[in-house]
Amino acid sequence: MYFSIVKNAKIFFSITIIFLLIGIGSMFTRGFNLGIDFTGGTIMDLEFTNPASINQVREVLKEHDLGNSVIQLGTSDATASESKSVLIRTGVISDDERRVVMEDMKSKVGDYSVLRVEQVGATVGNELVQQAVIAIVLSWVLMIIYITIRFEFKFAIAAIIALIIDVLVTLSWFSLAKMEMDSSFVAALLTVVGYSVNGTIVVFDRIRENLKRHRRSESLGDMVDNSIWQTMARSLYTVATSLVAVIAIFLFGGETIHNFSFAMMVGFGSGAYTSTLLAGPMWSFFKEHSEPQGKIQSKTKVV
């Protein structure tokens, strides 16, 4: 006999609510660590006497708490690991801080000439942030329409609630850990939404198939449990292979995509949790409270 997910759904929902309350509290009290894409920063375009590598420059910047700065080599060769021309983009720093960094750079990396130093505005303004929010909300609306047509409205509501939880969990981790959020975070969030709904649809498709053969002697909760466990192996294999790739990027991909891969890692893990442990029980709850137990039967269309 499998462990009953539906009968223990209150435990999973309680854990989820507690974490979300902590995360949302952190968002309101601690806020987010917005990166230079959102806040603007300083650009330093340097021409070194001898070729310098990104690692050399970043090590110096780390000593001044600027390790997340964007560093670009001024070369057309994509495979080059060193270049005399280096473009550095940091967060907002004062002129005194910049002078200290540049002096340290000269003593530890090598002599250079300054081609350009300037303050720049945020590349991701309020308008683009609003567009990202609209894109996520629009994706939810389209998913509700699609899932309602393919399955039924109760499936759509359960799926969207699961997606909202995934987004809030990812935001909560970034707020609690004070990890930097840049433009790549928006891309990661949209990827998480698409990935998570895919796992939920797999579970819902099996529930729909089993609902057509639902026996009166079998409770709705037992039917949902059987459906979840029938897809459990596929769900675990899918999330495991995805997480292996994302974790590898997180560990070995370098500083510039570290936060992007972390957002994907958290979102994929949350997506697996909500699609297997929350989405099915939510649909079961909606179904049982909208139709009498004896009249529950398939009303979905086979597409």
C-alpha atoms as a PDB file:
ATOM      1  CA  MET A   1       0.000   0.000   0.000  1.00  0.00           C
ATOM      2  CA  TYR A   2       1.416   3.331  -1.065  1.00  0.00           C
ATOM      3  CA  PHE A   3       1.722   6.259   1.292  1.00  0.00           C
ATOM      4  CA  SER A   4      -1.487   8.308   0.933  1.00  0.00           C
ATOM      5  CA  ILE A   5      -0.668  11.774  -0.369  1.00  0.00           C
ATOM      6  CA  VAL A   6      -4.291  12.954  -0.304  1.00  0.00           C
ATOM      7  CA  LYS A   7      -4.930  11.892   3.306  1.00  0.00           C
ATOM      8  CA  ASN A   8      -1.746  13.675   4.409  1.00  0.00           C
ATOM      9  CA  ALA A   9      -2.323  16.723   2.223  1.00  0.00           C
ATOM     10  CA  LYS A  10      -2.882  18.932   5.279  1.00  0.00           C
ATOM     11  CA  ILE A  11       0.720  18.285   6.336  1.00  0.00           C
ATOM     12  CA  PHE A  12       2.084  19.332   2.931  1.00  0.00           C
ATOM     13  CA  PHE A  13      -0.139  22.400   2.776  1.00  0.00           C
ATOM     14  CA  SER A  14       0.839  23.400   6.310  1.00  0.00           C
ATOM     15  CA  ILE A  15       4.554  23.153   5.472  1.00  0.00           C
ATOM     16  CA  THR A  16       3.974  25.183   2.294  1.00  0.00           C
ATOM     17  CA  ILE A  17       1.958  27.895   4.060  1.00  0.00           C
ATOM     18  CA  ILE A  18       4.524  28.239   6.858  1.00  0.00           C
ATOM     19  CA  PHE A  19       7.398  28.647   4.387  1.00  0.00           C
ATOM     20  CA  LEU A  20       5.432  31.101   2.234  1.00  0.00           C
ATOM     21  CA  LEU A  21       4.547  33.202   5.285  1.00  0.00           C
ATOM     22  CA  ILE A  22       8.242  33.352   6.207  1.00  0.00           C
ATOM     23  CA  GLY A  23       9.196  34.147   2.605  1.00  0.00           C
ATOM     24  CA  ILE A  24       6.545  36.824   2.097  1.00  0.00           C
ATOM     25  CA  GLY A  25       7.492  38.342   5.451  1.00  0.00           C
ATOM     26  CA  SER A  26      11.099  38.504   4.251  1.00  0.00           C
ATOM     27  CA  MET A  27      10.026  40.169   0.992  1.00  0.00           C
ATOM     28  CA  PHE A  28       8.250  42.937   2.900  1.00  0.00           C
ATOM     29  CA  THR A  29      10.875  43.411   5.627  1.00  0.00           C
ATOM     30  CA  ARG A  30      14.206  42.563   3.931  1.00  0.00           C
ATOM     31  CA  GLY A  31      13.249  43.179   0.327  1.00  0.00           C
ATOM     32  CA  PHE A  32      15.395  41.926  -2.565  1.00  0.00           C
ATOM     33  CA  ASN A  33      19.042  42.291  -3.518  1.00  0.00           C
ATOM     34  CA  LEU A  34      18.532  43.913  -6.912  1.00  0.00           C
ATOM     35  CA  GLY A  35      21.413  43.634  -9.350  1.00  0.00           C
ATOM     36  CA  ILE A  36      22.913  46.296 -11.548  1.00  0.00           C
ATOM     37  CA  ASP A  37      20.391  45.551 -14.304  1.00  0.00           C
ATOM     38  CA  PHE A  38      17.735  47.002 -12.005  1.00  0.00           C
ATOM     39  CA  THR A  39      19.704  49.604 -10.092  1.00  0.00           C
ATOM     40  CA  GLY A  40      22.305  50.848 -12.565  1.00  0.00           C
ATOM     41  CA  GLY A  41      26.026  51.005 -11.841  1.00  0.00           C
ATOM     42  CA  THR A  42      29.513  52.023 -12.938  1.00  0.00           C
ATOM     43  CA  ILE A  43      31.296  51.074 -16.167  1.00  0.00           C
ATOM     44  CA  MET A  44      35.108  50.899 -16.264  1.00  0.00           C
ATOM     45  CA  ASP A  45      36.698  50.247 -19.653  1.00  0.00           C
ATOM     46  CA  LEU A  46      40.376  49.387 -19.138  1.00  0.00           C
ATOM     47  CA  GLU A  47      43.261  48.637 -21.514  1.00  0.00           C
ATOM     48  CA  PHE A  48      45.908  46.517 -19.733  1.00  0.00           C
ATOM     49  CA  THR A  49      49.551  46.510 -20.772  1.00  0.00           C
ATOM     50  CA  ASN A  50      49.591  42.701 -20.579  1.00  0.00           C
ATOM     51  CA  PRO A  51      46.590  40.431 -21.260  1.00  0.00           C
ATOM     52  CA  ALA A  52      44.388  39.847 -18.191  1.00  0.00           C
ATOM     53  CA  SER A  53      41.852  37.094 -17.506  1.00  0.00           C
ATOM     54  CA  ILE A  54      38.335  37.375 -16.124  1.00  0.00           C
ATOM     55  CA  ASN A  55      39.351  35.355 -13.056  1.00  0.00           C
ATOM     56  CA  GLN A  56      42.191  37.749 -12.227  1.00  0.00           C
ATOM     57  CA  VAL A  57      39.908  40.769 -12.443  1.00  0.00           C
ATOM     58  CA  ARG A  58      37.096  39.097 -10.499  1.00  0.00           C
ATOM     59  CA  GLU A  59      39.413  38.089  -7.643  1.00  0.00           C
ATOM     60  CA  VAL A  60      40.311  41.741  -7.130  1.00  0.00           C
ATOM     61  CA  LEU A  61      36.665  42.806  -7.288  1.00  0.00           C
ATOM     62  CA  LYS A  62      35.688  40.130  -4.723  1.00  0.00           C
ATOM     63  CA  GLU A  63      37.987  41.759  -2.184  1.00  0.00           C
ATOM     64  CA  HIS A  64      35.785  44.861  -2.476  1.00  0.00           C
ATOM     65  CA  ASP A  65      32.449  42.972  -2.356  1.00  0.00           C
ATOM     66  CA  LEU A  66      31.993  43.411  -6.100  1.00  0.00           C
ATOM     67  CA  GLY A  67      32.320  39.752  -7.088  1.00  0.00           C
ATOM     68  CA  ASN A  68      29.001  39.739  -8.987  1.00  0.00           C
ATOM     69  CA  SER A  69      30.157  42.448 -11.376  1.00  0.00           C
ATOM     70  CA  VAL A  70      29.823  41.830 -15.110  1.00  0.00           C
ATOM     71  CA  ILE A  71      33.246  41.402 -16.756  1.00  0.00           C
ATOM     72  CA  GLN A  72      33.720  41.268 -20.533  1.00  0.00           C
ATOM     73  CA  LEU A  73      36.882  40.720 -22.520  1.00  0.00           C
ATOM     74  CA  GLY A  74      37.301  43.081 -25.457  1.00  0.00           C
ATOM     75  CA  THR A  75      38.053  40.440 -28.063  1.00  0.00           C
ATOM     76  CA  SER A  76      36.164  38.916 -30.971  1.00  0.00           C
ATOM     77  CA  ASP A  77      37.596  35.474 -30.190  1.00  0.00           C
ATOM     78  CA  ALA A  78      34.923  33.706 -28.112  1.00  0.00           C
ATOM     79  CA  THR A  79      37.433  31.089 -26.935  1.00  0.00           C
ATOM     80  CA  ALA A  80      39.976  33.604 -25.645  1.00  0.00           C
ATOM     81  CA  SER A  81      40.626  33.457 -21.904  1.00  0.00           C
ATOM     82  CA  GLU A  82      42.672  36.666 -21.737  1.00  0.00           C
ATOM     83  CA  SER A  83      42.601  40.092 -23.328  1.00  0.00           C
ATOM     84  CA  LYS A  84      44.245  43.466 -22.899  1.00  0.00           C
ATOM     85  CA  SER A  85      40.868  45.178 -23.197  1.00  0.00           C
ATOM     86  CA  VAL A  86      38.510  44.527 -20.241  1.00  0.00           C
ATOM     87  CA  LEU A  87      35.077  46.056 -19.635  1.00  0.00           C
ATOM     88  CA  ILE A  88      33.891  45.985 -16.005  1.00  0.00           C
ATOM     89  CA  ARG A  89      30.385  46.840 -14.887  1.00  0.00           C
ATOM     90  CA  THR A  90      29.847  47.069 -11.143  1.00  0.00           C
ATOM     91  CA  GLY A  91      26.995  48.182  -8.943  1.00  0.00           C
ATOM     92  CA  VAL A  92      26.703  51.795  -7.893  1.00  0.00           C
ATOM     93  CA  ILE A  93      29.933  52.828  -6.122  1.00  0.00           C
ATOM     94  CA  SER A  94      31.335  56.186  -5.078  1.00  0.00           C
ATOM     95  CA  ASP A  95      34.296  57.850  -6.771  1.00  0.00           C
ATOM     96  CA  ASP A  96      36.479  57.085  -3.735  1.00  0.00           C
ATOM     97  CA  GLU A  97      35.524  53.388  -3.823  1.00  0.00           C
ATOM     98  CA  ARG A  98      36.186  53.269  -7.551  1.00  0.00           C
ATOM     99  CA  ARG A  99      39.655  54.789  -7.125  1.00  0.00           C
ATOM    100  CA  VAL A 100      40.549  52.216  -4.451  1.00  0.00           C
ATOM    101  CA  VAL A 101      39.384  49.373  -6.716  1.00  0.00           C
ATOM    102  CA  MET A 102      41.349  50.687  -9.694  1.00  0.00           C
ATOM    103  CA  GLU A 103      44.525  51.145  -7.644  1.00  0.00           C
ATOM    104  CA  ASP A 104      44.183  47.607  -6.321  1.00  0.00           C
ATOM    105  CA  MET A 105      43.594  46.377  -9.874  1.00  0.00           C
ATOM    106  CA  LYS A 106      46.823  48.017 -11.031  1.00  0.00           C
ATOM    107  CA  SER A 107      48.921  46.502  -8.243  1.00  0.00           C
ATOM    108  CA  LYS A 108      47.511  42.949  -8.531  1.00  0.00           C
ATOM    109  CA  VAL A 109      46.643  42.508 -12.203  1.00  0.00           C
ATOM    110  CA  GLY A 110      48.963  44.914 -13.981  1.00  0.00           C
ATOM    111  CA  ASP A 111      49.347  48.394 -15.379  1.00  0.00           C
ATOM    112  CA  TYR A 112      46.547  49.745 -17.577  1.00  0.00           C
ATOM    113  CA  SER A 113      45.149  52.866 -19.175  1.00  0.00           C
ATOM    114  CA  VAL A 114      41.583  54.038 -18.596  1.00  0.00           C
ATOM    115  CA  LEU A 115      39.541  54.235 -21.801  1.00  0.00           C
ATOM    116  CA  ARG A 116      36.226  55.130 -20.187  1.00  0.00           C
ATOM    117  CA  VAL A 117      34.605  55.510 -16.769  1.00  0.00           C
ATOM    118  CA  GLU A 118      30.943  56.434 -16.444  1.00  0.00           C
ATOM    119  CA  GLN A 119      27.818  55.961 -14.361  1.00  0.00           C
ATOM    120  CA  VAL A 120      24.980  54.150 -16.155  1.00  0.00           C
ATOM    121  CA  GLY A 121      21.292  53.775 -15.484  1.00  0.00           C
ATOM    122  CA  ALA A 122      19.375  50.556 -14.960  1.00  0.00           C
ATOM    123  CA  THR A 123      18.980  48.469 -18.121  1.00  0.00           C
ATOM    124  CA  VAL A 124      15.814  46.865 -16.750  1.00  0.00           C
ATOM    125  CA  GLY A 125      13.499  49.750 -15.931  1.00  0.00           C
ATOM    126  CA  ASN A 126      10.105  49.729 -14.253  1.00  0.00           C
ATOM    127  CA  GLU A 127       8.411  49.318 -17.615  1.00  0.00           C
ATOM    128  CA  LEU A 128      10.276  46.087 -18.390  1.00  0.00           C
ATOM    129  CA  VAL A 129       9.583  44.736 -14.902  1.00  0.00           C
ATOM    130  CA  GLN A 130       5.886  45.435 -15.430  1.00  0.00           C
ATOM    131  CA  GLN A 131       6.042  43.691 -18.796  1.00  0.00           C
ATOM    132  CA  ALA A 132       7.597  40.637 -17.147  1.00  0.00           C
ATOM    133  CA  VAL A 133       4.796  40.539 -14.556  1.00  0.00           C
ATOM    134  CA  ILE A 134       2.210  40.908 -17.330  1.00  0.00           C
ATOM    135  CA  ALA A 135       3.864  38.063 -19.263  1.00  0.00           C
ATOM    136  CA  ILE A 136       3.666  35.739 -16.252  1.00  0.00           C
ATOM    137  CA  VAL A 137       0.046  36.648 -15.479  1.00  0.00           C
ATOM    138  CA  LEU A 138      -0.907  36.312 -19.161  1.00  0.00           C
ATOM    139  CA  SER A 139       0.680  32.854 -19.241  1.00  0.00           C
ATOM    140  CA  TRP A 140      -1.475  31.880 -16.257  1.00  0.00           C
ATOM    141  CA  VAL A 141      -4.632  33.140 -17.974  1.00  0.00           C
ATOM    142  CA  LEU A 142      -3.839  31.226 -21.177  1.00  0.00           C
ATOM    143  CA  MET A 143      -3.074  28.107 -19.135  1.00  0.00           C
ATOM    144  CA  ILE A 144      -6.438  28.411 -17.365  1.00  0.00           C
ATOM    145  CA  ILE A 145      -8.186  28.598 -20.746  1.00  0.00           C
ATOM    146  CA  TYR A 146      -6.232  25.664 -22.194  1.00  0.00           C
ATOM    147  CA  ILE A 147      -6.573  23.398 -19.170  1.00  0.00           C
ATOM    148  CA  THR A 148     -10.292  24.212 -18.867  1.00  0.00           C
ATOM    149  CA  ILE A 149     -10.835  23.189 -22.497  1.00  0.00           C
ATOM    150  CA  ARG A 150      -8.601  20.126 -22.275  1.00  0.00           C
ATOM    151  CA  PHE A 151      -9.713  18.993 -18.795  1.00  0.00           C
ATOM    152  CA  GLU A 152     -12.038  21.145 -16.668  1.00  0.00           C
ATOM    153  CA  PHE A 153     -11.998  24.419 -14.745  1.00  0.00           C
ATOM    154  CA  LYS A 154     -11.155  22.780 -11.392  1.00  0.00           C
ATOM    155  CA  PHE A 155      -7.990  21.313 -12.898  1.00  0.00           C
ATOM    156  CA  ALA A 156      -7.041  24.773 -14.206  1.00  0.00           C
ATOM    157  CA  ILE A 157      -7.478  26.462 -10.815  1.00  0.00           C
ATOM    158  CA  ALA A 158      -5.420  23.789  -9.039  1.00  0.00           C
ATOM    159  CA  ALA A 159      -2.642  24.103 -11.650  1.00  0.00           C
ATOM    160  CA  ILE A 160      -2.474  27.898 -11.390  1.00  0.00           C
ATOM    161  CA  ILE A 161      -2.375  27.822  -7.581  1.00  0.00           C
ATOM    162  CA  ALA A 162       0.550  25.385  -7.834  1.00  0.00           C
ATOM    163  CA  LEU A 163       2.334  27.742 -10.262  1.00  0.00           C
ATOM    164  CA  ILE A 164       1.793  30.739  -7.985  1.00  0.00           C
ATOM    165  CA  ILE A 165       3.333  28.746  -5.130  1.00  0.00           C
ATOM    166  CA  ASP A 166       6.371  27.937  -7.299  1.00  0.00           C
ATOM    167  CA  VAL A 167       6.895  31.610  -8.151  1.00  0.00           C
ATOM    168  CA  LEU A 168       6.510  32.680  -4.509  1.00  0.00           C
ATOM    169  CA  VAL A 169       8.901  29.961  -3.313  1.00  0.00           C
ATOM    170  CA  THR A 170      11.573  31.108  -5.776  1.00  0.00           C
ATOM    171  CA  LEU A 171      11.101  34.752  -4.786  1.00  0.00           C
ATOM    172  CA  SER A 172      11.199  33.774  -1.102  1.00  0.00           C
ATOM    173  CA  TRP A 173      14.552  32.007  -1.445  1.00  0.00           C
ATOM    174  CA  PHE A 174      16.104  34.995  -3.194  1.00  0.00           C
ATOM    175  CA  SER A 175      14.799  37.333  -0.499  1.00  0.00           C
ATOM    176  CA  LEU A 176      15.864  35.107   2.413  1.00  0.00           C
ATOM    177  CA  ALA A 177      19.322  34.414   0.971  1.00  0.00           C
ATOM    178  CA  LYS A 178      19.724  38.005  -0.297  1.00  0.00           C
ATOM    179  CA  MET A 179      20.908  36.637  -3.624  1.00  0.00           C
ATOM    180  CA  GLU A 180      21.260  39.129  -6.418  1.00  0.00           C
ATOM    181  CA  MET A 181      18.378  39.426  -8.881  1.00  0.00           C
ATOM    182  CA  ASP A 182      19.204  40.564 -12.410  1.00  0.00           C
ATOM    183  CA  SER A 183      17.543  40.345 -15.822  1.00  0.00           C
ATOM    184  CA  SER A 184      18.347  36.635 -16.104  1.00  0.00           C
ATOM    185  CA  PHE A 185      16.166  36.008 -13.045  1.00  0.00           C
ATOM    186  CA  VAL A 186      13.091  37.010 -15.058  1.00  0.00           C
ATOM    187  CA  ALA A 187      14.004  34.450 -17.736  1.00  0.00           C
ATOM    188  CA  ALA A 188      14.527  31.784 -15.057  1.00  0.00           C
ATOM    189  CA  LEU A 189      11.126  32.544 -13.519  1.00  0.00           C
ATOM    190  CA  LEU A 190       9.334  32.159 -16.861  1.00  0.00           C
ATOM    191  CA  THR A 191      11.191  28.878 -17.470  1.00  0.00           C
ATOM    192  CA  VAL A 192      10.102  27.595 -14.051  1.00  0.00           C
ATOM    193  CA  VAL A 193       6.456  28.389 -14.851  1.00  0.00           C
ATOM    194  CA  GLY A 194       6.607  26.378 -18.085  1.00  0.00           C
ATOM    195  CA  TYR A 195       8.461  23.474 -16.475  1.00  0.00           C
ATOM    196  CA  SER A 196       6.182  23.235 -13.458  1.00  0.00           C
ATOM    197  CA  VAL A 197       2.913  23.172 -15.382  1.00  0.00           C
ATOM    198  CA  ASN A 198       4.270  20.340 -17.533  1.00  0.00           C
ATOM    199  CA  GLY A 199       4.675  18.081 -14.483  1.00  0.00           C
ATOM    200  CA  THR A 200       1.217  19.031 -13.215  1.00  0.00           C
ATOM    201  CA  ILE A 201      -0.409  18.230 -16.572  1.00  0.00           C
ATOM    202  CA  VAL A 202       1.146  14.749 -16.517  1.00  0.00           C
ATOM    203  CA  VAL A 203      -0.528  14.026 -13.163  1.00  0.00           C
ATOM    204  CA  PHE A 204      -3.843  15.576 -14.239  1.00  0.00           C
ATOM    205  CA  ASP A 205      -3.891  13.548 -17.454  1.00  0.00           C
ATOM    206  CA  ARG A 206      -3.626  10.332 -15.459  1.00  0.00           C
ATOM    207  CA  ILE A 207      -6.341  11.505 -13.048  1.00  0.00           C
ATOM    208  CA  ARG A 208      -8.624  12.201 -16.000  1.00  0.00           C
ATOM    209  CA  GLU A 209      -8.024   8.744 -17.455  1.00  0.00           C
ATOM    210  CA  ASN A 210      -8.660   7.054 -14.110  1.00  0.00           C
ATOM    211  CA  LEU A 211     -11.730   9.205 -13.494  1.00  0.00           C
ATOM    212  CA  LYS A 212     -13.404   7.677 -16.537  1.00  0.00           C
ATOM    213  CA  ARG A 213     -13.006   4.233 -14.921  1.00  0.00           C
ATOM    214  CA  HIS A 214     -13.751   5.424 -11.403  1.00  0.00           C
ATOM    215  CA  ARG A 215     -15.656   2.827  -9.342  1.00  0.00           C
ATOM    216  CA  ARG A 216     -18.156   3.820  -6.679  1.00  0.00           C
ATOM    217  CA  SER A 217     -16.382   1.496  -4.229  1.00  0.00           C
ATOM    218  CA  GLU A 218     -13.192   3.559  -4.617  1.00  0.00           C
ATOM    219  CA  SER A 219     -13.038   6.948  -2.928  1.00  0.00           C
ATOM    220  CA  LEU A 220     -12.006   9.965  -4.943  1.00  0.00           C
ATOM    221  CA  GLY A 221      -8.961  10.394  -2.702  1.00  0.00           C
ATOM    222  CA  ASP A 222      -7.800   6.835  -3.380  1.00  0.00           C
ATOM    223  CA  MET A 223      -8.216   7.376  -7.113  1.00  0.00           C
ATOM    224  CA  VAL A 224      -6.102  10.543  -6.972  1.00  0.00           C
ATOM    225  CA  ASP A 225      -3.466   8.745  -4.887  1.00  0.00           C
ATOM    226  CA  ASN A 226      -3.278   5.922  -7.431  1.00  0.00           C
ATOM    227  CA  SER A 227      -2.950   8.434 -10.267  1.00  0.00           C
ATOM    228  CA  ILE A 228      -0.117  10.299  -8.560  1.00  0.00           C
ATOM    229  CA  TRP A 229       1.807   7.119  -7.768  1.00  0.00           C
ATOM    230  CA  GLN A 230       1.305   5.810 -11.301  1.00  0.00           C
ATOM    231  CA  THR A 231       3.124   8.904 -12.613  1.00  0.00           C
ATOM    232  CA  MET A 232       5.597   9.188  -9.732  1.00  0.00           C
ATOM    233  CA  ALA A 233       8.449   7.347 -11.469  1.00  0.00           C
ATOM    234  CA  ARG A 234       8.145   9.513 -14.570  1.00  0.00           C
ATOM    235  CA  SER A 235       7.973  12.675 -12.467  1.00  0.00           C
ATOM    236  CA  LEU A 236      11.045  11.728 -10.428  1.00  0.00           C
ATOM    237  CA  TYR A 237      13.085  10.760 -13.499  1.00  0.00           C
ATOM    238  CA  THR A 238      12.181  14.024 -15.237  1.00  0.00           C
ATOM    239  CA  VAL A 239      13.042  16.282 -12.305  1.00  0.00           C
ATOM    240  CA  ALA A 240      16.205  14.302 -11.499  1.00  0.00           C
ATOM    241  CA  THR A 241      17.643  14.628 -15.018  1.00  0.00           C
ATOM    242  CA  SER A 242      16.730  18.329 -15.119  1.00  0.00           C
ATOM    243  CA  LEU A 243      18.252  19.032 -11.701  1.00  0.00           C
ATOM    244  CA  VAL A 244      21.489  17.215 -12.584  1.00  0.00           C
ATOM    245  CA  ALA A 245      22.018  19.606 -15.498  1.00  0.00           C
ATOM    246  CA  VAL A 246      21.024  22.696 -13.487  1.00  0.00           C
ATOM    247  CA  ILE A 247      23.182  21.735 -10.488  1.00  0.00           C
ATOM    248  CA  ALA A 248      26.155  21.208 -12.815  1.00  0.00           C
ATOM    249  CA  ILE A 249      25.634  24.707 -14.217  1.00  0.00           C
ATOM    250  CA  PHE A 250      25.268  26.072 -10.677  1.00  0.00           C
ATOM    251  CA  LEU A 251      28.529  24.492  -9.523  1.00  0.00           C
ATOM    252  CA  PHE A 252      30.693  24.936 -12.613  1.00  0.00           C
ATOM    253  CA  GLY A 253      28.992  27.577 -14.755  1.00  0.00           C
ATOM    254  CA  GLY A 254      30.765  30.552 -13.240  1.00  0.00           C
ATOM    255  CA  GLU A 255      29.723  33.659 -11.360  1.00  0.00           C
ATOM    256  CA  THR A 256      27.755  35.290 -14.163  1.00  0.00           C
ATOM    257  CA  ILE A 257      25.045  32.593 -14.330  1.00  0.00           C
ATOM    258  CA  HIS A 258      25.267  31.446 -10.705  1.00  0.00           C
ATOM    259  CA  ASN A 259      22.055  33.168  -9.617  1.00  0.00           C
ATOM    260  CA  PHE A 260      20.218  32.182 -12.802  1.00  0.00           C
ATOM    261  CA  SER A 261      20.962  28.497 -12.228  1.00  0.00           C
ATOM    262  CA  PHE A 262      20.040  28.818  -8.529  1.00  0.00           C
ATOM    263  CA  ALA A 263      16.610  30.205  -9.481  1.00  0.00           C
ATOM    264  CA  MET A 264      16.120  27.298 -11.891  1.00  0.00           C
ATOM    265  CA  MET A 265      17.229  24.810  -9.245  1.00  0.00           C
ATOM    266  CA  VAL A 266      14.791  26.150  -6.632  1.00  0.00           C
ATOM    267  CA  GLY A 267      11.965  26.479  -9.162  1.00  0.00           C
ATOM    268  CA  PHE A 268      12.399  22.965 -10.569  1.00  0.00           C
ATOM    269  CA  GLY A 269      12.453  21.491  -7.059  1.00  0.00           C
ATOM    270  CA  SER A 270       9.351  23.442  -6.067  1.00  0.00           C
ATOM    271  CA  GLY A 271       7.638  22.438  -9.305  1.00  0.00           C
ATOM    272  CA  ALA A 272       8.222  18.757  -8.565  1.00  0.00           C
ATOM    273  CA  TYR A 273       6.860  19.260  -5.022  1.00  0.00           C
ATOM    274  CA  THR A 274       3.691  21.092  -6.067  1.00  0.00           C
ATOM    275  CA  SER A 275       2.869  18.875  -9.045  1.00  0.00           C
ATOM    276  CA  THR A 276       3.153  15.621  -7.068  1.00  0.00           C
ATOM    277  CA  LEU A 277       2.075  16.589  -3.553  1.00  0.00           C
ATOM    278  CA  LEU A 278      -0.223  19.601  -3.887  1.00  0.00           C
ATOM    279  CA  ALA A 279      -1.937  19.831  -7.288  1.00  0.00           C
ATOM    280  CA  GLY A 280      -3.786  16.487  -7.129  1.00  0.00           C
ATOM    281  CA  PRO A 281      -5.075  16.936  -3.552  1.00  0.00           C
ATOM    282  CA  MET A 282      -6.205  20.486  -4.444  1.00  0.00           C
ATOM    283  CA  TRP A 283      -8.262  19.186  -7.373  1.00  0.00           C
ATOM    284  CA  SER A 284      -9.700  16.443  -5.152  1.00  0.00           C
ATOM    285  CA  PHE A 285     -10.747  19.059  -2.580  1.00  0.00           C
ATOM    286  CA  PHE A 286     -12.426  21.247  -5.220  1.00  0.00           C
ATOM    287  CA  LYS A 287     -14.181  18.215  -6.741  1.00  0.00           C
ATOM    288  CA  GLU A 288     -15.505  16.835  -3.468  1.00  0.00           C
ATOM    289  CA  HIS A 289     -16.831  20.210  -2.326  1.00  0.00           C
ATOM    290  CA  SER A 290     -18.580  20.988  -5.610  1.00  0.00           C
ATOM    291  CA  GLU A 291     -20.246  17.630  -6.361  1.00  0.00           C
ATOM    292  CA  PRO A 292     -21.852  14.970  -4.155  1.00  0.00           C
ATOM    293  CA  GLN A 293     -19.617  11.927  -3.717  1.00  0.00           C
ATOM    294  CA  GLY A 294     -22.109   9.618  -5.418  1.00  0.00           C
ATOM    295  CA  LYS A 295     -22.346  11.779  -8.520  1.00  0.00           C
ATOM    296  CA  ILE A 296     -18.672  12.333  -9.191  1.00  0.00           C
ATOM    297  CA  GLN A 297     -17.905  11.131 -12.666  1.00  0.00           C
ATOM    298  CA  SER A 298     -15.911  12.215 -15.659  1.00  0.00           C
ATOM    299  CA  LYS A 299     -17.168  15.312 -17.405  1.00  0.00           C
ATOM    300  CA  THR A 300     -13.951  16.032 -19.225  1.00  0.00           C
ATOM    301  CA  LYS A 301     -13.500  15.940 -22.968  1.00  0.00           C
ATOM    302  CA  VAL A 302     -11.017  13.635 -24.650  1.00  0.00           C
ATOM    303  CA  VAL A 303      -8.885  15.770 -26.918  1.00  0.00           C
END
